[in-house]
Amino acid sequence: MNKIIVLNGPNLNLLGEREKKQYGNLTLKEIENNCKEFAKKNNVRLSLFQSNIEGELINQIQNSRNNQDGVIINAGGYTHTSVAIHDALKILKIPIIELHISNIYNREEFRHKSLISKVANGIICGFGAEGYIMSLKAMKRILENENR
């Protein structure tokens, strides 16, 4: 059974309340429930974590090197600012998918630069909450291909 962790960064705990035109109406809890349902149907052991604190996300990334098969990360605003998250992800020898609910390239100029992209296997952005399921499907495929 593949073990995948989904990490969510700052302000994602307020999904469903904030900028609904940009992020949709689903709450993080609803998105997590959709992910859990996917995991159950697809024989994936899923871990979910959200924090507004950079160091807590880094701790989870570091722990992932020994207890996860893949990382999906929506680092929120840290995507564009955190060298520390980039460096933690760079240490991993497991697949990484960068995820964004909105299309970061359709937004403000400062959001166009991701410090995570260079260490990620792929990026999914602009598909709303469905991006979480798309990311899980992609990670499952990556892990299955590695195990062949």
N, C-alpha and C. Protein backbone atom coordinates (compact mmCIF):
# COMPACT_ATOMS: atom_id res chain seq x y z
N MET A 1 0.86 -1.18 0.00
CA MET A 1 0.00 0.00 0.00
C MET A 1 0.89 1.24 0.00
N ASN A 2 0.71 2.11 -0.97
CA ASN A 2 1.49 3.34 -1.04
C ASN A 2 1.05 4.33 0.03
N LYS A 3 2.05 5.00 0.59
CA LYS A 3 1.79 6.01 1.62
C LYS A 3 2.06 7.39 1.02
N ILE A 4 1.04 8.22 1.03
CA ILE A 4 1.11 9.57 0.45
C ILE A 4 0.67 10.58 1.50
N ILE A 5 1.43 11.66 1.61
CA ILE A 5 1.04 12.75 2.50
C ILE A 5 0.68 13.96 1.65
N VAL A 6 -0.41 14.63 2.04
CA VAL A 6 -0.83 15.88 1.42
C VAL A 6 -0.60 16.98 2.45
N LEU A 7 0.26 17.92 2.10
CA LEU A 7 0.60 19.03 2.97
C LEU A 7 -0.05 20.31 2.46
N ASN A 8 -0.67 21.04 3.35
CA ASN A 8 -1.30 22.32 3.02
C ASN A 8 -0.71 23.42 3.88
N GLY A 9 -0.36 24.52 3.24
CA GLY A 9 0.28 25.63 3.93
C GLY A 9 -0.70 26.67 4.43
N PRO A 10 -0.16 27.88 4.64
CA PRO A 10 -0.91 28.94 5.31
C PRO A 10 -2.18 29.35 4.59
N ASN A 11 -3.17 29.64 5.40
CA ASN A 11 -4.48 30.16 5.00
C ASN A 11 -5.38 29.14 4.31
N LEU A 12 -4.87 27.96 4.03
CA LEU A 12 -5.72 26.96 3.39
C LEU A 12 -6.75 26.40 4.37
N ASN A 13 -6.52 26.59 5.65
CA ASN A 13 -7.53 26.23 6.65
C ASN A 13 -8.78 27.10 6.53
N LEU A 14 -8.70 28.20 5.79
CA LEU A 14 -9.84 29.10 5.62
C LEU A 14 -10.54 28.92 4.27
N LEU A 15 -10.22 27.84 3.56
CA LEU A 15 -10.94 27.57 2.31
C LEU A 15 -12.43 27.48 2.59
N GLY A 16 -13.21 27.95 1.64
CA GLY A 16 -14.66 27.99 1.81
C GLY A 16 -15.13 29.32 2.37
N GLU A 17 -14.21 30.06 2.99
CA GLU A 17 -14.51 31.39 3.52
C GLU A 17 -13.84 32.48 2.69
N ARG A 18 -12.64 32.24 2.25
CA ARG A 18 -11.81 33.28 1.65
C ARG A 18 -11.81 33.21 0.12
N GLU A 19 -11.87 34.33 -0.50
CA GLU A 19 -11.72 34.47 -1.95
C GLU A 19 -12.36 33.32 -2.73
N LYS A 20 -13.66 33.17 -2.56
CA LYS A 20 -14.36 32.04 -3.16
C LYS A 20 -14.24 32.03 -4.68
N LYS A 21 -14.15 33.19 -5.31
CA LYS A 21 -13.98 33.22 -6.77
C LYS A 21 -12.66 32.57 -7.18
N GLN A 22 -11.67 32.71 -6.34
CA GLN A 22 -10.34 32.17 -6.62
C GLN A 22 -10.21 30.71 -6.19
N TYR A 23 -10.80 30.38 -5.04
CA TYR A 23 -10.56 29.07 -4.42
C TYR A 23 -11.79 28.17 -4.33
N GLY A 24 -12.95 28.67 -4.67
CA GLY A 24 -14.15 27.85 -4.63
C GLY A 24 -14.82 27.85 -3.26
N ASN A 25 -15.86 27.03 -3.14
CA ASN A 25 -16.69 27.00 -1.95
C ASN A 25 -16.36 25.89 -0.97
N LEU A 26 -15.59 24.90 -1.41
CA LEU A 26 -15.30 23.77 -0.53
C LEU A 26 -14.36 24.18 0.60
N THR A 27 -14.61 23.62 1.77
CA THR A 27 -13.70 23.83 2.90
C THR A 27 -12.55 22.84 2.79
N LEU A 28 -11.49 23.08 3.54
CA LEU A 28 -10.38 22.14 3.55
C LEU A 28 -10.84 20.78 4.06
N LYS A 29 -11.72 20.77 5.04
CA LYS A 29 -12.25 19.50 5.58
C LYS A 29 -12.98 18.72 4.49
N GLU A 30 -13.76 19.41 3.66
CA GLU A 30 -14.48 18.73 2.57
C GLU A 30 -13.49 18.18 1.54
N ILE A 31 -12.47 18.95 1.23
CA ILE A 31 -11.44 18.49 0.30
C ILE A 31 -10.73 17.26 0.88
N GLU A 32 -10.40 17.33 2.16
CA GLU A 32 -9.74 16.20 2.81
C GLU A 32 -10.62 14.96 2.80
N ASN A 33 -11.92 15.14 3.01
CA ASN A 33 -12.84 13.99 2.96
C ASN A 33 -12.87 13.37 1.57
N ASN A 34 -12.84 14.21 0.52
CA ASN A 34 -12.78 13.70 -0.85
C ASN A 34 -11.48 12.91 -1.07
N CYS A 35 -10.39 13.41 -0.53
CA CYS A 35 -9.10 12.71 -0.65
C CYS A 35 -9.13 11.38 0.09
N LYS A 36 -9.73 11.37 1.27
CA LYS A 36 -9.84 10.13 2.05
C LYS A 36 -10.66 9.09 1.29
N GLU A 37 -11.72 9.54 0.66
CA GLU A 37 -12.57 8.63 -0.12
C GLU A 37 -11.77 8.04 -1.29
N PHE A 38 -11.02 8.87 -1.98
CA PHE A 38 -10.16 8.39 -3.07
C PHE A 38 -9.17 7.36 -2.53
N ALA A 39 -8.53 7.69 -1.42
CA ALA A 39 -7.52 6.80 -0.84
C ALA A 39 -8.10 5.43 -0.50
N LYS A 40 -9.28 5.45 0.12
CA LYS A 40 -9.92 4.19 0.50
C LYS A 40 -10.21 3.33 -0.73
N LYS A 41 -10.69 3.95 -1.80
CA LYS A 41 -11.04 3.21 -3.02
C LYS A 41 -9.82 2.75 -3.80
N ASN A 42 -8.67 3.37 -3.55
CA ASN A 42 -7.49 3.11 -4.36
C ASN A 42 -6.32 2.53 -3.58
N ASN A 43 -6.61 2.00 -2.40
CA ASN A 43 -5.59 1.31 -1.62
C ASN A 43 -4.36 2.19 -1.35
N VAL A 44 -4.63 3.41 -0.92
CA VAL A 44 -3.57 4.37 -0.58
C VAL A 44 -3.69 4.69 0.91
N ARG A 45 -2.56 4.67 1.61
CA ARG A 45 -2.55 5.11 3.01
C ARG A 45 -2.25 6.61 2.98
N LEU A 46 -3.22 7.40 3.37
CA LEU A 46 -3.16 8.85 3.21
C LEU A 46 -2.95 9.54 4.55
N SER A 47 -2.04 10.50 4.55
CA SER A 47 -1.86 11.40 5.69
C SER A 47 -2.16 12.81 5.20
N LEU A 48 -2.78 13.59 6.07
CA LEU A 48 -3.15 14.97 5.73
C LEU A 48 -2.63 15.89 6.82
N PHE A 49 -2.07 17.04 6.40
CA PHE A 49 -1.53 17.97 7.37
C PHE A 49 -1.65 19.39 6.83
N GLN A 50 -2.08 20.30 7.69
CA GLN A 50 -2.14 21.72 7.34
C GLN A 50 -1.53 22.52 8.47
N SER A 51 -0.75 23.53 8.08
CA SER A 51 -0.21 24.44 9.09
C SER A 51 0.02 25.81 8.48
N ASN A 52 -0.16 26.81 9.31
CA ASN A 52 0.18 28.17 8.93
C ASN A 52 1.63 28.49 9.30
N ILE A 53 2.31 27.52 9.89
CA ILE A 53 3.66 27.73 10.42
C ILE A 53 4.68 26.99 9.54
N GLU A 54 5.59 27.74 8.98
CA GLU A 54 6.59 27.20 8.05
C GLU A 54 7.37 26.04 8.67
N GLY A 55 7.84 26.20 9.89
CA GLY A 55 8.65 25.17 10.54
C GLY A 55 7.89 23.86 10.72
N GLU A 56 6.60 23.92 10.99
CA GLU A 56 5.80 22.70 11.12
C GLU A 56 5.71 21.96 9.78
N LEU A 57 5.57 22.71 8.70
CA LEU A 57 5.56 22.08 7.37
C LEU A 57 6.91 21.43 7.07
N ILE A 58 7.98 22.11 7.42
CA ILE A 58 9.33 21.57 7.21
C ILE A 58 9.51 20.29 8.02
N ASN A 59 9.05 20.27 9.26
CA ASN A 59 9.13 19.04 10.07
C ASN A 59 8.41 17.89 9.39
N GLN A 60 7.24 18.15 8.84
CA GLN A 60 6.48 17.09 8.16
C GLN A 60 7.21 16.62 6.91
N ILE A 61 7.79 17.55 6.17
CA ILE A 61 8.56 17.17 4.98
C ILE A 61 9.74 16.30 5.38
N GLN A 62 10.48 16.72 6.39
CA GLN A 62 11.63 15.92 6.83
C GLN A 62 11.21 14.54 7.31
N ASN A 63 10.13 14.46 8.05
CA ASN A 63 9.63 13.15 8.52
C ASN A 63 9.21 12.27 7.35
N SER A 64 8.77 12.88 6.27
CA SER A 64 8.29 12.13 5.10
C SER A 64 9.38 11.28 4.46
N ARG A 65 10.65 11.66 4.64
CA ARG A 65 11.72 10.91 3.98
C ARG A 65 11.81 9.49 4.49
N ASN A 66 11.29 9.23 5.69
CA ASN A 66 11.36 7.89 6.26
C ASN A 66 10.03 7.17 6.35
N ASN A 67 8.92 7.91 6.20
CA ASN A 67 7.63 7.23 6.44
C ASN A 67 6.59 7.47 5.35
N GLN A 68 6.99 8.05 4.21
CA GLN A 68 6.04 8.26 3.11
C GLN A 68 6.67 7.80 1.80
N ASP A 69 5.81 7.50 0.84
CA ASP A 69 6.28 7.13 -0.50
C ASP A 69 6.18 8.31 -1.47
N GLY A 70 5.36 9.31 -1.13
CA GLY A 70 5.20 10.48 -1.99
C GLY A 70 4.63 11.64 -1.21
N VAL A 71 4.95 12.86 -1.67
CA VAL A 71 4.48 14.10 -1.04
C VAL A 71 3.74 14.94 -2.07
N ILE A 72 2.56 15.38 -1.70
CA ILE A 72 1.80 16.37 -2.46
C ILE A 72 1.77 17.61 -1.59
N ILE A 73 2.21 18.75 -2.14
CA ILE A 73 2.27 19.96 -1.31
C ILE A 73 1.63 21.15 -1.99
N ASN A 74 0.67 21.73 -1.28
CA ASN A 74 0.13 23.04 -1.61
C ASN A 74 0.66 23.96 -0.53
N ALA A 75 1.77 24.60 -0.82
CA ALA A 75 2.46 25.41 0.19
C ALA A 75 1.87 26.80 0.33
N GLY A 76 0.79 27.09 -0.40
CA GLY A 76 0.19 28.41 -0.30
C GLY A 76 1.21 29.48 -0.59
N GLY A 77 1.19 30.56 0.16
CA GLY A 77 2.10 31.67 -0.04
C GLY A 77 3.57 31.31 0.13
N TYR A 78 3.87 30.25 0.87
CA TYR A 78 5.26 29.83 1.03
C TYR A 78 5.87 29.33 -0.29
N THR A 79 5.03 28.99 -1.25
CA THR A 79 5.51 28.56 -2.56
C THR A 79 6.48 29.58 -3.14
N HIS A 80 6.17 30.84 -2.93
CA HIS A 80 6.89 31.92 -3.59
C HIS A 80 7.98 32.53 -2.72
N THR A 81 8.08 32.10 -1.46
CA THR A 81 8.98 32.78 -0.54
C THR A 81 9.91 31.88 0.25
N SER A 82 9.61 30.60 0.37
CA SER A 82 10.32 29.77 1.35
C SER A 82 11.46 28.95 0.75
N VAL A 83 12.65 29.47 0.92
CA VAL A 83 13.84 28.71 0.56
C VAL A 83 13.95 27.49 1.47
N ALA A 84 13.53 27.63 2.72
CA ALA A 84 13.61 26.53 3.68
C ALA A 84 12.74 25.34 3.26
N ILE A 85 11.54 25.60 2.77
CA ILE A 85 10.68 24.51 2.28
C ILE A 85 11.30 23.90 1.03
N HIS A 86 11.80 24.72 0.14
CA HIS A 86 12.50 24.21 -1.05
C HIS A 86 13.63 23.27 -0.63
N ASP A 87 14.46 23.71 0.31
CA ASP A 87 15.60 22.92 0.74
C ASP A 87 15.17 21.60 1.39
N ALA A 88 14.11 21.64 2.18
CA ALA A 88 13.60 20.42 2.82
C ALA A 88 13.10 19.44 1.77
N LEU A 89 12.36 19.94 0.79
CA LEU A 89 11.86 19.07 -0.28
C LEU A 89 12.99 18.49 -1.11
N LYS A 90 14.03 19.28 -1.32
CA LYS A 90 15.16 18.85 -2.14
C LYS A 90 15.87 17.64 -1.53
N ILE A 91 15.79 17.50 -0.22
CA ILE A 91 16.42 16.37 0.47
C ILE A 91 15.71 15.05 0.17
N LEU A 92 14.41 15.13 -0.11
CA LEU A 92 13.61 13.92 -0.30
C LEU A 92 14.06 13.12 -1.52
N LYS A 93 13.98 11.82 -1.39
CA LYS A 93 14.28 10.92 -2.50
C LYS A 93 13.00 10.21 -2.94
N ILE A 94 11.87 10.84 -2.66
CA ILE A 94 10.55 10.32 -3.05
C ILE A 94 9.89 11.36 -3.95
N PRO A 95 8.90 10.95 -4.74
CA PRO A 95 8.24 11.89 -5.65
C PRO A 95 7.50 13.01 -4.90
N ILE A 96 7.50 14.18 -5.55
CA ILE A 96 6.85 15.38 -5.01
C ILE A 96 5.97 15.96 -6.11
N ILE A 97 4.74 16.29 -5.75
CA ILE A 97 3.85 17.02 -6.66
C ILE A 97 3.50 18.34 -6.00
N GLU A 98 3.72 19.41 -6.75
CA GLU A 98 3.33 20.76 -6.32
C GLU A 98 1.88 20.98 -6.76
N LEU A 99 1.07 21.48 -5.86
CA LEU A 99 -0.36 21.65 -6.11
C LEU A 99 -0.81 23.05 -5.77
N HIS A 100 -1.65 23.62 -6.63
CA HIS A 100 -2.30 24.90 -6.36
C HIS A 100 -3.75 24.82 -6.84
N ILE A 101 -4.65 25.34 -6.05
CA ILE A 101 -6.07 25.36 -6.41
C ILE A 101 -6.29 26.31 -7.58
N SER A 102 -5.68 27.49 -7.51
CA SER A 102 -5.82 28.48 -8.58
C SER A 102 -4.65 28.34 -9.55
N ASN A 103 -4.78 28.97 -10.70
CA ASN A 103 -3.69 29.02 -11.66
C ASN A 103 -2.77 30.16 -11.26
N ILE A 104 -1.65 29.83 -10.64
CA ILE A 104 -0.75 30.87 -10.12
C ILE A 104 -0.19 31.74 -11.24
N TYR A 105 -0.22 31.26 -12.48
CA TYR A 105 0.32 32.03 -13.60
C TYR A 105 -0.71 33.00 -14.19
N ASN A 106 -1.94 32.93 -13.70
CA ASN A 106 -3.01 33.85 -14.09
C ASN A 106 -3.22 34.93 -13.04
N ARG A 107 -2.35 34.98 -12.07
CA ARG A 107 -2.54 35.86 -10.92
C ARG A 107 -1.45 36.93 -10.86
N GLU A 108 -1.28 37.51 -9.70
CA GLU A 108 -0.30 38.57 -9.54
C GLU A 108 1.09 38.07 -9.93
N GLU A 109 1.90 38.98 -10.43
CA GLU A 109 3.24 38.66 -10.91
C GLU A 109 4.08 37.91 -9.87
N PHE A 110 4.00 38.32 -8.60
CA PHE A 110 4.83 37.67 -7.58
C PHE A 110 4.49 36.20 -7.39
N ARG A 111 3.29 35.78 -7.80
CA ARG A 111 2.90 34.37 -7.67
C ARG A 111 3.43 33.51 -8.82
N HIS A 112 3.99 34.12 -9.84
CA HIS A 112 4.45 33.37 -11.01
C HIS A 112 5.73 32.61 -10.73
N LYS A 113 6.45 32.96 -9.68
CA LYS A 113 7.70 32.27 -9.35
C LYS A 113 7.46 31.30 -8.20
N SER A 114 7.76 30.05 -8.46
CA SER A 114 7.64 29.01 -7.43
C SER A 114 9.03 28.52 -7.07
N LEU A 115 9.31 28.49 -5.77
CA LEU A 115 10.57 27.92 -5.29
C LEU A 115 10.48 26.40 -5.15
N ILE A 116 9.28 25.86 -5.34
CA ILE A 116 9.06 24.42 -5.20
C ILE A 116 9.18 23.69 -6.53
N SER A 117 8.84 24.35 -7.61
CA SER A 117 8.76 23.70 -8.93
C SER A 117 10.03 22.96 -9.32
N LYS A 118 11.18 23.51 -9.01
CA LYS A 118 12.44 22.88 -9.44
C LYS A 118 12.72 21.55 -8.73
N VAL A 119 12.06 21.31 -7.62
CA VAL A 119 12.29 20.04 -6.91
C VAL A 119 11.09 19.09 -7.03
N ALA A 120 10.05 19.54 -7.72
CA ALA A 120 8.84 18.71 -7.86
C ALA A 120 8.90 17.89 -9.15
N ASN A 121 8.28 16.71 -9.10
CA ASN A 121 8.14 15.90 -10.31
C ASN A 121 7.16 16.52 -11.29
N GLY A 122 6.16 17.23 -10.75
CA GLY A 122 5.16 17.86 -11.58
C GLY A 122 4.36 18.87 -10.79
N ILE A 123 3.57 19.64 -11.55
CA ILE A 123 2.76 20.70 -10.95
C ILE A 123 1.33 20.56 -11.46
N ILE A 124 0.39 20.68 -10.55
CA ILE A 124 -1.02 20.73 -10.92
C ILE A 124 -1.57 22.04 -10.37
N CYS A 125 -2.08 22.88 -11.25
CA CYS A 125 -2.64 24.15 -10.78
C CYS A 125 -3.78 24.59 -11.66
N GLY A 126 -4.72 25.30 -11.05
CA GLY A 126 -5.80 25.91 -11.79
C GLY A 126 -7.05 25.08 -11.96
N PHE A 127 -7.13 23.92 -11.33
CA PHE A 127 -8.29 23.05 -11.49
C PHE A 127 -9.18 23.03 -10.26
N GLY A 128 -9.00 23.99 -9.38
CA GLY A 128 -9.82 24.07 -8.18
C GLY A 128 -9.53 22.91 -7.25
N ALA A 129 -10.51 22.60 -6.43
CA ALA A 129 -10.35 21.52 -5.46
C ALA A 129 -10.12 20.17 -6.13
N GLU A 130 -10.56 20.02 -7.38
CA GLU A 130 -10.35 18.77 -8.12
C GLU A 130 -8.86 18.47 -8.29
N GLY A 131 -8.03 19.51 -8.17
CA GLY A 131 -6.58 19.32 -8.28
C GLY A 131 -6.04 18.35 -7.24
N TYR A 132 -6.69 18.27 -6.09
CA TYR A 132 -6.24 17.33 -5.06
C TYR A 132 -6.39 15.89 -5.54
N ILE A 133 -7.53 15.57 -6.13
CA ILE A 133 -7.76 14.21 -6.64
C ILE A 133 -6.84 13.96 -7.84
N MET A 134 -6.68 14.97 -8.70
CA MET A 134 -5.76 14.83 -9.83
C MET A 134 -4.35 14.53 -9.34
N SER A 135 -3.94 15.20 -8.27
CA SER A 135 -2.61 14.99 -7.70
C SER A 135 -2.46 13.58 -7.13
N LEU A 136 -3.49 13.13 -6.43
CA LEU A 136 -3.45 11.78 -5.88
C LEU A 136 -3.37 10.73 -7.00
N LYS A 137 -4.15 10.92 -8.07
CA LYS A 137 -4.09 10.00 -9.20
C LYS A 137 -2.71 10.00 -9.83
N ALA A 138 -2.14 11.19 -10.02
CA ALA A 138 -0.81 11.30 -10.62
C ALA A 138 0.24 10.65 -9.73
N MET A 139 0.18 10.89 -8.43
CA MET A 139 1.15 10.30 -7.52
C MET A 139 1.02 8.78 -7.51
N LYS A 140 -0.19 8.29 -7.50
CA LYS A 140 -0.42 6.84 -7.52
C LYS A 140 0.23 6.24 -8.77
N ARG A 141 0.07 6.89 -9.90
CA ARG A 141 0.65 6.42 -11.15
C ARG A 141 2.18 6.45 -11.10
N ILE A 142 2.73 7.54 -10.57
CA ILE A 142 4.19 7.64 -10.44
C ILE A 142 4.72 6.49 -9.59
N LEU A 143 4.08 6.25 -8.47
CA LEU A 143 4.54 5.20 -7.54
C LEU A 143 4.38 3.81 -8.16
N GLU A 144 3.29 3.59 -8.88
CA GLU A 144 3.10 2.29 -9.54
C GLU A 144 4.17 2.06 -10.58
N ASN A 145 4.54 3.09 -11.34
CA ASN A 145 5.57 2.96 -12.36
C ASN A 145 6.95 2.72 -11.74
N GLU A 146 7.20 3.30 -10.57
CA GLU A 146 8.46 3.06 -9.87
C GLU A 146 8.59 1.63 -9.39
N ASN A 147 7.45 1.03 -9.05
CA ASN A 147 7.46 -0.32 -8.48
C ASN A 147 7.46 -1.42 -9.54
N ARG A 148 7.48 -1.04 -10.79
CA ARG A 148 7.49 -2.06 -11.86
C ARG A 148 8.87 -2.59 -12.08
